[in-house]
Amino acid sequence: MDKILITGLVATGIVGVNEQERKFPQELLMDIELEYPLDKAGESDSIEDTISYSFVAKLIRKCVQESSYFTLEALAAQLVNQLFEETPADAVRIKIEKANFVSKTSKVGIQIYRQRSI
């Protein structure tokens, strides 16, 4: 399956369970994969035949900024739902990480994969 990739997207929002995490927005590092056939765009060279990276990045940043979840899992599920509502992607994989959050780690996070329901 063809994929559209966005790697290292930084989005800022409130996410976490403890009081300190909920006081201030924090930067989240995200990788997004959208499964979508790219053969038509490859032939036409037209943005209308693909999914715009810029549109997806702006949508993700806006959703994260406006959200206030306790878990990365809930945030990721909401982002997948938004991507299915706003794009024709067949499947979505999202990885979300927090940097320097857990002692003696560089990053912690989650990754989910969902296919569009038929």
C-alpha atoms as a PDB file:
ATOM      1  CA  MET A   1       0.000   0.000   0.000  1.00  0.00           C
ATOM      2  CA  ASP A   2       1.199   3.506  -0.811  1.00  0.00           C
ATOM      3  CA  LYS A   3       1.808   5.855   2.102  1.00  0.00           C
ATOM      4  CA  ILE A   4       1.984   9.558   2.784  1.00  0.00           C
ATOM      5  CA  LEU A   5       4.532  10.211   5.540  1.00  0.00           C
ATOM      6  CA  ILE A   6       4.928  13.084   7.954  1.00  0.00           C
ATOM      7  CA  THR A   7       7.866  12.584  10.315  1.00  0.00           C
ATOM      8  CA  GLY A   8       8.895  14.653  13.310  1.00  0.00           C
ATOM      9  CA  LEU A   9       5.831  16.896  13.442  1.00  0.00           C
ATOM     10  CA  VAL A  10       5.828  19.000  16.608  1.00  0.00           C
ATOM     11  CA  ALA A  11       2.427  19.826  18.101  1.00  0.00           C
ATOM     12  CA  THR A  12       1.747  21.569  21.401  1.00  0.00           C
ATOM     13  CA  GLY A  13      -1.125  20.814  23.775  1.00  0.00           C
ATOM     14  CA  ILE A  14      -2.301  19.728  27.200  1.00  0.00           C
ATOM     15  CA  VAL A  15      -1.965  15.996  27.766  1.00  0.00           C
ATOM     16  CA  GLY A  16      -1.138  14.105  30.924  1.00  0.00           C
ATOM     17  CA  VAL A  17      -2.462  12.867  34.229  1.00  0.00           C
ATOM     18  CA  ASN A  18      -0.535  14.810  36.829  1.00  0.00           C
ATOM     19  CA  GLU A  19      -1.158  18.410  37.844  1.00  0.00           C
ATOM     20  CA  GLN A  20       2.090  19.757  36.394  1.00  0.00           C
ATOM     21  CA  GLU A  21       1.344  18.254  32.973  1.00  0.00           C
ATOM     22  CA  ARG A  22      -2.099  19.834  32.955  1.00  0.00           C
ATOM     23  CA  LYS A  23      -0.874  23.350  33.846  1.00  0.00           C
ATOM     24  CA  PHE A  24       1.198  24.016  30.753  1.00  0.00           C
ATOM     25  CA  PRO A  25       1.044  22.847  27.139  1.00  0.00           C
ATOM     26  CA  GLN A  26       3.879  20.538  26.175  1.00  0.00           C
ATOM     27  CA  GLU A  27       5.488  19.677  22.884  1.00  0.00           C
ATOM     28  CA  LEU A  28       4.661  16.297  21.426  1.00  0.00           C
ATOM     29  CA  LEU A  29       6.684  14.695  18.651  1.00  0.00           C
ATOM     30  CA  MET A  30       4.583  12.866  16.074  1.00  0.00           C
ATOM     31  CA  ASP A  31       5.025  10.602  13.071  1.00  0.00           C
ATOM     32  CA  ILE A  32       1.983  10.126  10.838  1.00  0.00           C
ATOM     33  CA  GLU A  33       1.438   7.600   8.036  1.00  0.00           C
ATOM     34  CA  LEU A  34      -1.632   7.755   5.823  1.00  0.00           C
ATOM     35  CA  GLU A  35      -2.301   4.765   3.567  1.00  0.00           C
ATOM     36  CA  TYR A  36      -3.749   5.998   0.298  1.00  0.00           C
ATOM     37  CA  PRO A  37      -3.291   4.975  -3.347  1.00  0.00           C
ATOM     38  CA  LEU A  38      -0.840   7.383  -4.983  1.00  0.00           C
ATOM     39  CA  ASP A  39      -0.874   6.049  -8.546  1.00  0.00           C
ATOM     40  CA  LYS A  40      -3.371   8.649  -9.813  1.00  0.00           C
ATOM     41  CA  ALA A  41      -1.346  11.540  -8.342  1.00  0.00           C
ATOM     42  CA  GLY A  42       1.807  10.014  -9.820  1.00  0.00           C
ATOM     43  CA  GLU A  43       0.246  10.172 -13.276  1.00  0.00           C
ATOM     44  CA  SER A  44      -1.571  13.506 -12.997  1.00  0.00           C
ATOM     45  CA  ASP A  45       1.000  15.440 -10.908  1.00  0.00           C
ATOM     46  CA  SER A  46      -2.011  17.113  -9.252  1.00  0.00           C
ATOM     47  CA  ILE A  47      -2.488  17.859  -5.540  1.00  0.00           C
ATOM     48  CA  GLU A  48      -6.193  17.089  -5.992  1.00  0.00           C
ATOM     49  CA  ASP A  49      -5.300  13.431  -6.504  1.00  0.00           C
ATOM     50  CA  THR A  50      -3.448  13.024  -3.210  1.00  0.00           C
ATOM     51  CA  ILE A  51      -3.634  14.154   0.426  1.00  0.00           C
ATOM     52  CA  SER A  52      -1.873  17.428   1.231  1.00  0.00           C
ATOM     53  CA  TYR A  53       0.934  17.120   3.804  1.00  0.00           C
ATOM     54  CA  SER A  54       0.341  20.726   4.788  1.00  0.00           C
ATOM     55  CA  PHE A  55      -3.384  20.158   5.374  1.00  0.00           C
ATOM     56  CA  VAL A  56      -2.689  17.113   7.559  1.00  0.00           C
ATOM     57  CA  ALA A  57       0.010  18.906   9.582  1.00  0.00           C
ATOM     58  CA  LYS A  58      -2.244  21.924  10.205  1.00  0.00           C
ATOM     59  CA  LEU A  59      -5.171  19.673  11.172  1.00  0.00           C
ATOM     60  CA  ILE A  60      -3.052  17.680  13.633  1.00  0.00           C
ATOM     61  CA  ARG A  61      -1.553  20.800  15.238  1.00  0.00           C
ATOM     62  CA  LYS A  62      -4.982  22.415  15.601  1.00  0.00           C
ATOM     63  CA  CYS A  63      -6.547  19.286  17.138  1.00  0.00           C
ATOM     64  CA  VAL A  64      -3.687  18.877  19.623  1.00  0.00           C
ATOM     65  CA  GLN A  65      -3.758  22.565  20.570  1.00  0.00           C
ATOM     66  CA  GLU A  66      -7.512  22.463  21.229  1.00  0.00           C
ATOM     67  CA  SER A  67      -7.492  19.164  23.133  1.00  0.00           C
ATOM     68  CA  SER A  68      -6.981  18.343  26.801  1.00  0.00           C
ATOM     69  CA  TYR A  69      -6.606  14.576  27.207  1.00  0.00           C
ATOM     70  CA  PHE A  70      -5.212  12.608  30.103  1.00  0.00           C
ATOM     71  CA  THR A  71      -3.635   9.924  27.885  1.00  0.00           C
ATOM     72  CA  LEU A  72      -1.737   9.869  24.626  1.00  0.00           C
ATOM     73  CA  GLU A  73      -3.935   6.923  23.658  1.00  0.00           C
ATOM     74  CA  ALA A  74      -7.094   9.047  23.765  1.00  0.00           C
ATOM     75  CA  LEU A  75      -5.404  11.868  21.876  1.00  0.00           C
ATOM     76  CA  ALA A  76      -4.200   9.481  19.165  1.00  0.00           C
ATOM     77  CA  ALA A  77      -7.675   7.956  18.794  1.00  0.00           C
ATOM     78  CA  GLN A  78      -9.189  11.424  18.359  1.00  0.00           C
ATOM     79  CA  LEU A  79      -6.561  12.379  15.778  1.00  0.00           C
ATOM     80  CA  VAL A  80      -7.277   9.232  13.760  1.00  0.00           C
ATOM     81  CA  ASN A  81     -11.003  10.023  13.843  1.00  0.00           C
ATOM     82  CA  GLN A  82     -10.323  13.568  12.607  1.00  0.00           C
ATOM     83  CA  LEU A  83      -8.100  12.300   9.799  1.00  0.00           C
ATOM     84  CA  PHE A  84     -10.778   9.849   8.677  1.00  0.00           C
ATOM     85  CA  GLU A  85     -13.366  12.660   8.717  1.00  0.00           C
ATOM     86  CA  GLU A  86     -11.194  15.144   6.836  1.00  0.00           C
ATOM     87  CA  THR A  87      -9.223  12.972   4.384  1.00  0.00           C
ATOM     88  CA  PRO A  88      -9.839   9.926   2.177  1.00  0.00           C
ATOM     89  CA  ALA A  89      -7.045   7.919   3.870  1.00  0.00           C
ATOM     90  CA  ASP A  90      -7.674   4.165   3.968  1.00  0.00           C
ATOM     91  CA  ALA A  91      -5.624   3.664   7.147  1.00  0.00           C
ATOM     92  CA  VAL A  92      -3.673   5.784   9.624  1.00  0.00           C
ATOM     93  CA  ARG A  93      -0.672   5.074  11.828  1.00  0.00           C
ATOM     94  CA  ILE A  94       0.236   7.690  14.445  1.00  0.00           C
ATOM     95  CA  LYS A  95       3.190   7.674  16.813  1.00  0.00           C
ATOM     96  CA  ILE A  96       3.161  10.277  19.606  1.00  0.00           C
ATOM     97  CA  GLU A  97       6.120  10.791  21.927  1.00  0.00           C
ATOM     98  CA  LYS A  98       6.963  13.018  24.885  1.00  0.00           C
ATOM     99  CA  ALA A  99      10.646  13.914  25.231  1.00  0.00           C
ATOM    100  CA  ASN A 100      12.541  13.844  28.532  1.00  0.00           C
ATOM    101  CA  PHE A 101       9.456  12.839  30.466  1.00  0.00           C
ATOM    102  CA  VAL A 102      10.397   9.631  32.255  1.00  0.00           C
ATOM    103  CA  SER A 103      13.668   9.489  34.155  1.00  0.00           C
ATOM    104  CA  LYS A 104      16.553   7.897  32.243  1.00  0.00           C
ATOM    105  CA  THR A 105      14.668   7.840  28.920  1.00  0.00           C
ATOM    106  CA  SER A 106      14.941  10.147  25.939  1.00  0.00           C
ATOM    107  CA  LYS A 107      11.307   9.659  24.891  1.00  0.00           C
ATOM    108  CA  VAL A 108       8.165   7.760  25.841  1.00  0.00           C
ATOM    109  CA  GLY A 109       5.062   7.358  23.754  1.00  0.00           C
ATOM    110  CA  ILE A 110       2.515   5.288  21.923  1.00  0.00           C
ATOM    111  CA  GLN A 111       1.755   4.153  18.399  1.00  0.00           C
ATOM    112  CA  ILE A 112      -1.618   3.144  17.005  1.00  0.00           C
ATOM    113  CA  TYR A 113      -2.790   1.846  13.635  1.00  0.00           C
ATOM    114  CA  ARG A 114      -6.388   2.017  12.470  1.00  0.00           C
ATOM    115  CA  GLN A 115      -8.122   1.113   9.213  1.00  0.00           C
ATOM    116  CA  ARG A 116     -11.151   2.962   7.958  1.00  0.00           C
ATOM    117  CA  SER A 117     -14.395   1.142   8.716  1.00  0.00           C
ATOM    118  CA  ILE A 118     -16.356   0.164   5.653  1.00  0.00           C
END
